[in-house]
Amino acid sequence: MPTYEYECRECGHRFEIHQRISEQALTECEICGGPLRKLFHPVGIAFKGSGFYVNDSKASRKEPSGEGKKPEKKPEKKPDKKPESTPSSKEKTA
């Protein structure tokens, strides 16, 4: 259930209340009976982990010192040789 914040226009009393989205907004202050207004705030968003921006990928990160260190190369893996085919039963002669 969402939490809404209201403020009284007359006395300045602020309070939060849990309401369903389908419920009507409150209109009267519980303290002085004055008119209320619903307060809206920007939604907080937290991006966690890498990959949200182009410069976040591991491949594009650079060493901060720049002391001439070259990235370590991984040896290329060559495909394995296929085993030589065995002669079929037709080719075998006894």
PDB file of N, CA and C in Angstrom:
ATOM      1  N   MET A   1       0.837  -1.161   0.000  1.00  0.00           N
ATOM      2  CA  MET A   1       0.000   0.000   0.000  1.00  0.00           C
ATOM      3  C   MET A   1       0.899   1.247   0.000  1.00  0.00           C
ATOM      4  N   PRO A   2       0.630   2.197  -0.873  1.00  0.00           N
ATOM      5  CA  PRO A   2       1.457   3.404  -0.948  1.00  0.00           C
ATOM      6  C   PRO A   2       1.296   4.297   0.283  1.00  0.00           C
ATOM      7  N   THR A   3       2.336   5.042   0.582  1.00  0.00           N
ATOM      8  CA  THR A   3       2.310   6.023   1.662  1.00  0.00           C
ATOM      9  C   THR A   3       2.210   7.407   1.036  1.00  0.00           C
ATOM     10  N   TYR A   4       1.226   8.175   1.483  1.00  0.00           N
ATOM     11  CA  TYR A   4       1.028   9.530   0.977  1.00  0.00           C
ATOM     12  C   TYR A   4       1.304  10.525   2.097  1.00  0.00           C
ATOM     13  N   GLU A   5       1.816  11.691   1.726  1.00  0.00           N
ATOM     14  CA  GLU A   5       2.072  12.740   2.702  1.00  0.00           C
ATOM     15  C   GLU A   5       1.127  13.906   2.414  1.00  0.00           C
ATOM     16  N   TYR A   6       0.523  14.407   3.469  1.00  0.00           N
ATOM     17  CA  TYR A   6      -0.406  15.525   3.368  1.00  0.00           C
ATOM     18  C   TYR A   6       0.102  16.671   4.227  1.00  0.00           C
ATOM     19  N   GLU A   7      -0.313  17.903   3.850  1.00  0.00           N
ATOM     20  CA  GLU A   7       0.003  19.086   4.628  1.00  0.00           C
ATOM     21  C   GLU A   7      -1.240  19.964   4.695  1.00  0.00           C
ATOM     22  N   CYS A   8      -1.515  20.463   5.897  1.00  0.00           N
ATOM     23  CA  CYS A   8      -2.650  21.369   6.078  1.00  0.00           C
ATOM     24  C   CYS A   8      -2.260  22.748   5.565  1.00  0.00           C
ATOM     25  N   ARG A   9      -3.146  23.369   4.807  1.00  0.00           N
ATOM     26  CA  ARG A   9      -2.874  24.707   4.258  1.00  0.00           C
ATOM     27  C   ARG A   9      -3.032  25.792   5.318  1.00  0.00           C
ATOM     28  N   GLU A  10      -3.723  25.466   6.390  1.00  0.00           N
ATOM     29  CA  GLU A  10      -3.974  26.484   7.423  1.00  0.00           C
ATOM     30  C   GLU A  10      -2.928  26.428   8.535  1.00  0.00           C
ATOM     31  N   CYS A  11      -2.767  25.269   9.154  1.00  0.00           N
ATOM     32  CA  CYS A  11      -1.869  25.189  10.317  1.00  0.00           C
ATOM     33  C   CYS A  11      -0.495  24.618   9.978  1.00  0.00           C
ATOM     34  N   GLY A  12      -0.312  24.077   8.783  1.00  0.00           N
ATOM     35  CA  GLY A  12       0.987  23.542   8.373  1.00  0.00           C
ATOM     36  C   GLY A  12       1.286  22.144   8.901  1.00  0.00           C
ATOM     37  N   HIS A  13       0.305  21.505   9.559  1.00  0.00           N
ATOM     38  CA  HIS A  13       0.515  20.149  10.087  1.00  0.00           C
ATOM     39  C   HIS A  13       0.777  19.184   8.932  1.00  0.00           C
ATOM     40  N   ARG A  14       1.858  18.387   9.067  1.00  0.00           N
ATOM     41  CA  ARG A  14       2.213  17.386   8.051  1.00  0.00           C
ATOM     42  C   ARG A  14       2.081  16.003   8.653  1.00  0.00           C
ATOM     43  N   PHE A  15       1.587  15.065   7.835  1.00  0.00           N
ATOM     44  CA  PHE A  15       1.495  13.685   8.292  1.00  0.00           C
ATOM     45  C   PHE A  15       1.494  12.754   7.083  1.00  0.00           C
ATOM     46  N   GLU A  16       1.854  11.499   7.351  1.00  0.00           N
ATOM     47  CA  GLU A  16       1.852  10.455   6.321  1.00  0.00           C
ATOM     48  C   GLU A  16       0.760   9.467   6.655  1.00  0.00           C
ATOM     49  N   ILE A  17       0.180   8.884   5.613  1.00  0.00           N
ATOM     50  CA  ILE A  17      -0.871   7.890   5.810  1.00  0.00           C
ATOM     51  C   ILE A  17      -0.766   6.841   4.708  1.00  0.00           C
ATOM     52  N   HIS A  18      -1.012   5.590   5.074  1.00  0.00           N
ATOM     53  CA  HIS A  18      -1.053   4.493   4.094  1.00  0.00           C
ATOM     54  C   HIS A  18      -2.465   4.430   3.536  1.00  0.00           C
ATOM     55  N   GLN A  19      -2.587   4.553   2.230  1.00  0.00           N
ATOM     56  CA  GLN A  19      -3.884   4.500   1.561  1.00  0.00           C
ATOM     57  C   GLN A  19      -3.777   3.650   0.314  1.00  0.00           C
ATOM     58  N   ARG A  20      -4.877   3.020  -0.029  1.00  0.00           N
ATOM     59  CA  ARG A  20      -4.946   2.316  -1.308  1.00  0.00           C
ATOM     60  C   ARG A  20      -5.041   3.354  -2.419  1.00  0.00           C
ATOM     61  N   ILE A  21      -4.615   2.969  -3.600  1.00  0.00           N
ATOM     62  CA  ILE A  21      -4.677   3.887  -4.738  1.00  0.00           C
ATOM     63  C   ILE A  21      -6.132   4.213  -5.061  1.00  0.00           C
ATOM     64  N   SER A  22      -7.022   3.272  -4.831  1.00  0.00           N
ATOM     65  CA  SER A  22      -8.435   3.472  -5.150  1.00  0.00           C
ATOM     66  C   SER A  22      -9.165   4.357  -4.133  1.00  0.00           C
ATOM     67  N   GLU A  23      -8.569   4.619  -2.971  1.00  0.00           N
ATOM     68  CA  GLU A  23      -9.214   5.452  -1.949  1.00  0.00           C
ATOM     69  C   GLU A  23      -9.169   6.924  -2.339  1.00  0.00           C
ATOM     70  N   GLN A  24     -10.163   7.667  -1.882  1.00  0.00           N
ATOM     71  CA  GLN A  24     -10.215   9.110  -2.124  1.00  0.00           C
ATOM     72  C   GLN A  24      -9.151   9.818  -1.286  1.00  0.00           C
ATOM     73  N   ALA A  25      -8.611  10.896  -1.825  1.00  0.00           N
ATOM     74  CA  ALA A  25      -7.619  11.688  -1.095  1.00  0.00           C
ATOM     75  C   ALA A  25      -8.296  12.372   0.085  1.00  0.00           C
ATOM     76  N   LEU A  26      -7.534  12.549   1.177  1.00  0.00           N
ATOM     77  CA  LEU A  26      -8.068  13.246   2.343  1.00  0.00           C
ATOM     78  C   LEU A  26      -8.212  14.731   2.023  1.00  0.00           C
ATOM     79  N   THR A  27      -9.212  15.370   2.619  1.00  0.00           N
ATOM     80  CA  THR A  27      -9.467  16.779   2.316  1.00  0.00           C
ATOM     81  C   THR A  27      -9.467  17.672   3.542  1.00  0.00           C
ATOM     82  N   GLU A  28      -9.562  17.084   4.751  1.00  0.00           N
ATOM     83  CA  GLU A  28      -9.713  17.890   5.967  1.00  0.00           C
ATOM     84  C   GLU A  28      -8.650  17.525   6.989  1.00  0.00           C
ATOM     85  N   CYS A  29      -8.013  18.536   7.576  1.00  0.00           N
ATOM     86  CA  CYS A  29      -6.969  18.344   8.584  1.00  0.00           C
ATOM     87  C   CYS A  29      -7.574  17.738   9.840  1.00  0.00           C
ATOM     88  N   GLU A  30      -6.877  16.767  10.409  1.00  0.00           N
ATOM     89  CA  GLU A  30      -7.373  16.101  11.617  1.00  0.00           C
ATOM     90  C   GLU A  30      -7.203  16.958  12.867  1.00  0.00           C
ATOM     91  N   ILE A  31      -6.397  18.015  12.786  1.00  0.00           N
ATOM     92  CA  ILE A  31      -6.155  18.859  13.957  1.00  0.00           C
ATOM     93  C   ILE A  31      -7.043  20.114  13.939  1.00  0.00           C
ATOM     94  N   CYS A  32      -6.972  20.882  12.835  1.00  0.00           N
ATOM     95  CA  CYS A  32      -7.712  22.146  12.811  1.00  0.00           C
ATOM     96  C   CYS A  32      -8.928  22.126  11.889  1.00  0.00           C
ATOM     97  N   GLY A  33      -9.056  21.124  11.052  1.00  0.00           N
ATOM     98  CA  GLY A  33     -10.196  21.039  10.133  1.00  0.00           C
ATOM     99  C   GLY A  33      -9.991  21.816   8.848  1.00  0.00           C
ATOM    100  N   GLY A  34      -8.790  22.352   8.640  1.00  0.00           N
ATOM    101  CA  GLY A  34      -8.488  23.128   7.430  1.00  0.00           C
ATOM    102  C   GLY A  34      -8.290  22.216   6.219  1.00  0.00           C
ATOM    103  N   PRO A  35      -8.206  22.813   5.036  1.00  0.00           N
ATOM    104  CA  PRO A  35      -8.028  22.028   3.807  1.00  0.00           C
ATOM    105  C   PRO A  35      -6.614  21.425   3.716  1.00  0.00           C
ATOM    106  N   LEU A  36      -6.533  20.224   3.174  1.00  0.00           N
ATOM    107  CA  LEU A  36      -5.250  19.525   3.008  1.00  0.00           C
ATOM    108  C   LEU A  36      -4.812  19.568   1.568  1.00  0.00           C
ATOM    109  N   ARG A  37      -3.525  19.441   1.385  1.00  0.00           N
ATOM    110  CA  ARG A  37      -2.982  19.230   0.039  1.00  0.00           C
ATOM    111  C   ARG A  37      -2.051  18.037   0.101  1.00  0.00           C
ATOM    112  N   LYS A  38      -2.073  17.243  -0.964  1.00  0.00           N
ATOM    113  CA  LYS A  38      -1.218  16.066  -1.050  1.00  0.00           C
ATOM    114  C   LYS A  38       0.147  16.515  -1.545  1.00  0.00           C
ATOM    115  N   LEU A  39       1.203  16.076  -0.853  1.00  0.00           N
ATOM    116  CA  LEU A  39       2.570  16.437  -1.234  1.00  0.00           C
ATOM    117  C   LEU A  39       3.164  15.341  -2.108  1.00  0.00           C
ATOM    118  N   PHE A  40       3.896  15.743  -3.116  1.00  0.00           N
ATOM    119  CA  PHE A  40       4.548  14.802  -4.016  1.00  0.00           C
ATOM    120  C   PHE A  40       6.050  15.012  -3.949  1.00  0.00           C
ATOM    121  N   HIS A  41       6.775  13.929  -3.961  1.00  0.00           N
ATOM    122  CA  HIS A  41       8.232  13.967  -3.889  1.00  0.00           C
ATOM    123  C   HIS A  41       8.804  13.145  -5.043  1.00  0.00           C
ATOM    124  N   PRO A  42       9.998  13.483  -5.504  1.00  0.00           N
ATOM    125  CA  PRO A  42      10.616  12.657  -6.549  1.00  0.00           C
ATOM    126  C   PRO A  42      10.929  11.267  -6.007  1.00  0.00           C
ATOM    127  N   VAL A  43      10.830  10.307  -6.875  1.00  0.00           N
ATOM    128  CA  VAL A  43      11.088   8.923  -6.508  1.00  0.00           C
ATOM    129  C   VAL A  43      12.591   8.683  -6.476  1.00  0.00           C
ATOM    130  N   GLY A  44      13.071   8.034  -5.426  1.00  0.00           N
ATOM    131  CA  GLY A  44      14.489   7.709  -5.333  1.00  0.00           C
ATOM    132  C   GLY A  44      14.797   6.432  -6.100  1.00  0.00           C
ATOM    133  N   ILE A  45      15.775   6.496  -6.955  1.00  0.00           N
ATOM    134  CA  ILE A  45      16.174   5.333  -7.749  1.00  0.00           C
ATOM    135  C   ILE A  45      17.643   5.056  -7.476  1.00  0.00           C
ATOM    136  N   ALA A  46      17.956   3.794  -7.199  1.00  0.00           N
ATOM    137  CA  ALA A  46      19.348   3.408  -6.960  1.00  0.00           C
ATOM    138  C   ALA A  46      19.759   2.383  -8.004  1.00  0.00           C
ATOM    139  N   PHE A  47      20.727   2.725  -8.837  1.00  0.00           N
ATOM    140  CA  PHE A  47      21.266   1.788  -9.812  1.00  0.00           C
ATOM    141  C   PHE A  47      22.432   1.060  -9.152  1.00  0.00           C
ATOM    142  N   LYS A  48      22.285  -0.246  -9.025  1.00  0.00           N
ATOM    143  CA  LYS A  48      23.347  -1.019  -8.389  1.00  0.00           C
ATOM    144  C   LYS A  48      23.961  -1.954  -9.418  1.00  0.00           C
ATOM    145  N   GLY A  49      25.236  -2.204  -9.269  1.00  0.00           N
ATOM    146  CA  GLY A  49      25.922  -3.103 -10.177  1.00  0.00           C
ATOM    147  C   GLY A  49      26.467  -2.362 -11.384  1.00  0.00           C
ATOM    148  N   SER A  50      27.114  -3.101 -12.241  1.00  0.00           N
ATOM    149  CA  SER A  50      27.695  -2.467 -13.425  1.00  0.00           C
ATOM    150  C   SER A  50      26.809  -2.740 -14.624  1.00  0.00           C
ATOM    151  N   GLY A  51      27.061  -2.006 -15.671  1.00  0.00           N
ATOM    152  CA  GLY A  51      26.348  -2.226 -16.907  1.00  0.00           C
ATOM    153  C   GLY A  51      25.245  -1.232 -17.192  1.00  0.00           C
ATOM    154  N   PHE A  52      25.077  -0.213 -16.368  1.00  0.00           N
ATOM    155  CA  PHE A  52      24.027   0.752 -16.621  1.00  0.00           C
ATOM    156  C   PHE A  52      24.469   1.839 -17.586  1.00  0.00           C
ATOM    157  N   TYR A  53      25.761   2.071 -17.663  1.00  0.00           N
ATOM    158  CA  TYR A  53      26.269   3.113 -18.522  1.00  0.00           C
ATOM    159  C   TYR A  53      27.359   2.525 -19.423  1.00  0.00           C
ATOM    160  N   VAL A  54      27.625   3.185 -20.516  1.00  0.00           N
ATOM    161  CA  VAL A  54      28.625   2.704 -21.463  1.00  0.00           C
ATOM    162  C   VAL A  54      29.989   2.592 -20.793  1.00  0.00           C
ATOM    163  N   ASN A  55      30.319   3.516 -19.911  1.00  0.00           N
ATOM    164  CA  ASN A  55      31.644   3.513 -19.299  1.00  0.00           C
ATOM    165  C   ASN A  55      31.738   2.542 -18.119  1.00  0.00           C
ATOM    166  N   ASP A  56      30.708   1.757 -17.826  1.00  0.00           N
ATOM    167  CA  ASP A  56      30.745   0.809 -16.722  1.00  0.00           C
ATOM    168  C   ASP A  56      31.274  -0.569 -17.100  1.00  0.00           C
ATOM    169  N   SER A  57      31.406  -0.850 -18.363  1.00  0.00           N
ATOM    170  CA  SER A  57      31.832  -2.197 -18.741  1.00  0.00           C
ATOM    171  C   SER A  57      33.292  -2.413 -18.377  1.00  0.00           C
ATOM    172  N   LYS A  58      33.645  -3.645 -18.048  1.00  0.00           N
ATOM    173  CA  LYS A  58      35.009  -3.948 -17.627  1.00  0.00           C
ATOM    174  C   LYS A  58      36.013  -3.721 -18.749  1.00  0.00           C
ATOM    175  N   ALA A  59      35.599  -3.955 -19.985  1.00  0.00           N
ATOM    176  CA  ALA A  59      36.520  -3.829 -21.106  1.00  0.00           C
ATOM    177  C   ALA A  59      36.965  -2.384 -21.317  1.00  0.00           C
ATOM    178  N   SER A  60      36.129  -1.422 -20.981  1.00  0.00           N
ATOM    179  CA  SER A  60      36.483  -0.036 -21.250  1.00  0.00           C
ATOM    180  C   SER A  60      37.165   0.654 -20.071  1.00  0.00           C
ATOM    181  N   ARG A  61      37.299  -0.029 -18.939  1.00  0.00           N
ATOM    182  CA  ARG A  61      37.946   0.590 -17.781  1.00  0.00           C
ATOM    183  C   ARG A  61      39.444   0.716 -18.023  1.00  0.00           C
ATOM    184  N   LYS A  62      39.991   1.825 -17.619  1.00  0.00           N
ATOM    185  CA  LYS A  62      41.419   2.068 -17.793  1.00  0.00           C
ATOM    186  C   LYS A  62      42.068   2.168 -16.425  1.00  0.00           C
ATOM    187  N   GLU A  63      43.347   1.861 -16.378  1.00  0.00           N
ATOM    188  CA  GLU A  63      44.103   1.991 -15.136  1.00  0.00           C
ATOM    189  C   GLU A  63      44.228   3.472 -14.798  1.00  0.00           C
ATOM    190  N   PRO A  64      43.949   3.869 -13.564  1.00  0.00           N
ATOM    191  CA  PRO A  64      44.024   5.286 -13.228  1.00  0.00           C
ATOM    192  C   PRO A  64      45.432   5.849 -13.276  1.00  0.00           C
ATOM    193  N   SER A  65      46.438   5.037 -12.984  1.00  0.00           N
ATOM    194  CA  SER A  65      47.798   5.565 -12.953  1.00  0.00           C
ATOM    195  C   SER A  65      48.393   5.683 -14.350  1.00  0.00           C
ATOM    196  N   GLY A  66      48.010   4.797 -15.262  1.00  0.00           N
ATOM    197  CA  GLY A  66      48.521   4.857 -16.620  1.00  0.00           C
ATOM    198  C   GLY A  66      50.008   4.654 -16.707  1.00  0.00           C
ATOM    199  N   GLU A  67      50.561   3.736 -15.926  1.00  0.00           N
ATOM    200  CA  GLU A  67      51.996   3.526 -15.867  1.00  0.00           C
ATOM    201  C   GLU A  67      52.505   2.581 -16.955  1.00  0.00           C
ATOM    202  N   GLY A  68      51.826   2.533 -18.052  1.00  0.00           N
ATOM    203  CA  GLY A  68      52.300   1.716 -19.160  1.00  0.00           C
ATOM    204  C   GLY A  68      51.990   0.239 -19.010  1.00  0.00           C
ATOM    205  N   LYS A  69      51.115  -0.113 -18.120  1.00  0.00           N
ATOM    206  CA  LYS A  69      50.758  -1.525 -17.980  1.00  0.00           C
ATOM    207  C   LYS A  69      49.874  -1.925 -19.142  1.00  0.00           C
ATOM    208  N   LYS A  70      50.245  -3.003 -19.781  1.00  0.00           N
ATOM    209  CA  LYS A  70      49.449  -3.498 -20.890  1.00  0.00           C
ATOM    210  C   LYS A  70      48.483  -4.545 -20.358  1.00  0.00           C
ATOM    211  N   PRO A  71      47.293  -4.611 -20.922  1.00  0.00           N
ATOM    212  CA  PRO A  71      46.362  -5.635 -20.474  1.00  0.00           C
ATOM    213  C   PRO A  71      46.908  -7.021 -20.785  1.00  0.00           C
ATOM    214  N   GLU A  72      46.672  -7.935 -19.883  1.00  0.00           N
ATOM    215  CA  GLU A  72      47.169  -9.297 -20.031  1.00  0.00           C
ATOM    216  C   GLU A  72      46.395  -9.999 -21.137  1.00  0.00           C
ATOM    217  N   LYS A  73      47.123 -10.564 -22.091  1.00  0.00           N
ATOM    218  CA  LYS A  73      46.469 -11.267 -23.188  1.00  0.00           C
ATOM    219  C   LYS A  73      46.262 -12.720 -22.811  1.00  0.00           C
ATOM    220  N   LYS A  74      45.107 -13.221 -23.157  1.00  0.00           N
ATOM    221  CA  LYS A  74      44.825 -14.636 -22.943  1.00  0.00           C
ATOM    222  C   LYS A  74      45.282 -15.398 -24.181  1.00  0.00           C
ATOM    223  N   PRO A  75      45.887 -16.567 -23.980  1.00  0.00           N
ATOM    224  CA  PRO A  75      46.317 -17.324 -25.156  1.00  0.00           C
ATOM    225  C   PRO A  75      45.104 -17.763 -25.960  1.00  0.00           C
ATOM    226  N   GLU A  76      45.265 -17.668 -27.273  1.00  0.00           N
ATOM    227  CA  GLU A  76      44.161 -18.063 -28.144  1.00  0.00           C
ATOM    228  C   GLU A  76      44.020 -19.573 -28.117  1.00  0.00           C
ATOM    229  N   LYS A  77      42.804 -20.017 -28.052  1.00  0.00           N
ATOM    230  CA  LYS A  77      42.544 -21.450 -28.023  1.00  0.00           C
ATOM    231  C   LYS A  77      42.326 -21.923 -29.450  1.00  0.00           C
ATOM    232  N   LYS A  78      43.154 -22.856 -29.866  1.00  0.00           N
ATOM    233  CA  LYS A  78      43.039 -23.392 -31.210  1.00  0.00           C
ATOM    234  C   LYS A  78      42.071 -24.565 -31.179  1.00  0.00           C
ATOM    235  N   PRO A  79      41.299 -24.728 -32.238  1.00  0.00           N
ATOM    236  CA  PRO A  79      40.361 -25.853 -32.261  1.00  0.00           C
ATOM    237  C   PRO A  79      41.124 -27.177 -32.261  1.00  0.00           C
ATOM    238  N   ASP A  80      40.577 -28.140 -31.554  1.00  0.00           N
ATOM    239  CA  ASP A  80      41.201 -29.468 -31.509  1.00  0.00           C
ATOM    240  C   ASP A  80      41.142 -30.125 -32.878  1.00  0.00           C
ATOM    241  N   LYS A  81      42.185 -30.922 -33.162  1.00  0.00           N
ATOM    242  CA  LYS A  81      42.196 -31.639 -34.432  1.00  0.00           C
ATOM    243  C   LYS A  81      41.159 -32.743 -34.385  1.00  0.00           C
ATOM    244  N   LYS A  82      40.496 -32.933 -35.501  1.00  0.00           N
ATOM    245  CA  LYS A  82      39.502 -33.996 -35.578  1.00  0.00           C
ATOM    246  C   LYS A  82      40.238 -35.328 -35.651  1.00  0.00           C
ATOM    247  N   PRO A  83      39.722 -36.334 -34.949  1.00  0.00           N
ATOM    248  CA  PRO A  83      40.385 -37.639 -35.042  1.00  0.00           C
ATOM    249  C   PRO A  83      40.246 -38.183 -36.454  1.00  0.00           C
ATOM    250  N   GLU A  84      41.295 -38.850 -36.875  1.00  0.00           N
ATOM    251  CA  GLU A  84      41.260 -39.411 -38.221  1.00  0.00           C
ATOM    252  C   GLU A  84      40.170 -40.459 -38.290  1.00  0.00           C
ATOM    253  N   SER A  85      39.513 -40.487 -39.432  1.00  0.00           N
ATOM    254  CA  SER A  85      38.386 -41.417 -39.570  1.00  0.00           C
ATOM    255  C   SER A  85      38.919 -42.852 -39.631  1.00  0.00           C
ATOM    256  N   THR A  86      38.180 -43.742 -39.016  1.00  0.00           N
ATOM    257  CA  THR A  86      38.560 -45.158 -39.036  1.00  0.00           C
ATOM    258  C   THR A  86      37.976 -45.772 -40.288  1.00  0.00           C
ATOM    259  N   PRO A  87      38.650 -46.745 -40.841  1.00  0.00           N
ATOM    260  CA  PRO A  87      38.128 -47.373 -42.069  1.00  0.00           C
ATOM    261  C   PRO A  87      36.794 -48.073 -41.775  1.00  0.00           C
ATOM    262  N   SER A  88      35.882 -47.930 -42.714  1.00  0.00           N
ATOM    263  CA  SER A  88      34.582 -48.565 -42.527  1.00  0.00           C
ATOM    264  C   SER A  88      34.703 -50.053 -42.772  1.00  0.00           C
ATOM    265  N   SER A  89      33.657 -50.767 -42.473  1.00  0.00           N
ATOM    266  CA  SER A  89      33.680 -52.228 -42.595  1.00  0.00           C
ATOM    267  C   SER A  89      33.867 -52.673 -44.035  1.00  0.00           C
ATOM    268  N   LYS A  90      33.447 -51.829 -45.003  1.00  0.00           N
ATOM    269  CA  LYS A  90      33.638 -52.185 -46.416  1.00  0.00           C
ATOM    270  C   LYS A  90      35.096 -52.109 -46.812  1.00  0.00           C
ATOM    271  N   GLU A  91      35.836 -51.179 -46.188  1.00  0.00           N
ATOM    272  CA  GLU A  91      37.230 -51.002 -46.550  1.00  0.00           C
ATOM    273  C   GLU A  91      38.109 -52.052 -45.916  1.00  0.00           C
ATOM    274  N   LYS A  92      37.653 -52.684 -44.841  1.00  0.00           N
ATOM    275  CA  LYS A  92      38.462 -53.674 -44.158  1.00  0.00           C
ATOM    276  C   LYS A  92      38.513 -54.948 -44.993  1.00  0.00           C
ATOM    277  N   THR A  93      39.715 -55.438 -45.150  1.00  0.00           N
ATOM    278  CA  THR A  93      39.873 -56.714 -45.867  1.00  0.00           C
ATOM    279  C   THR A  93      40.656 -57.637 -44.945  1.00  0.00           C
ATOM    280  N   ALA A  94      40.189 -58.847 -44.852  1.00  0.00           N
ATOM    281  CA  ALA A  94      40.847 -59.774 -43.956  1.00  0.00           C
ATOM    282  C   ALA A  94      41.809 -60.669 -44.649  1.00  0.00           C
TER     283      ALA A  94
END
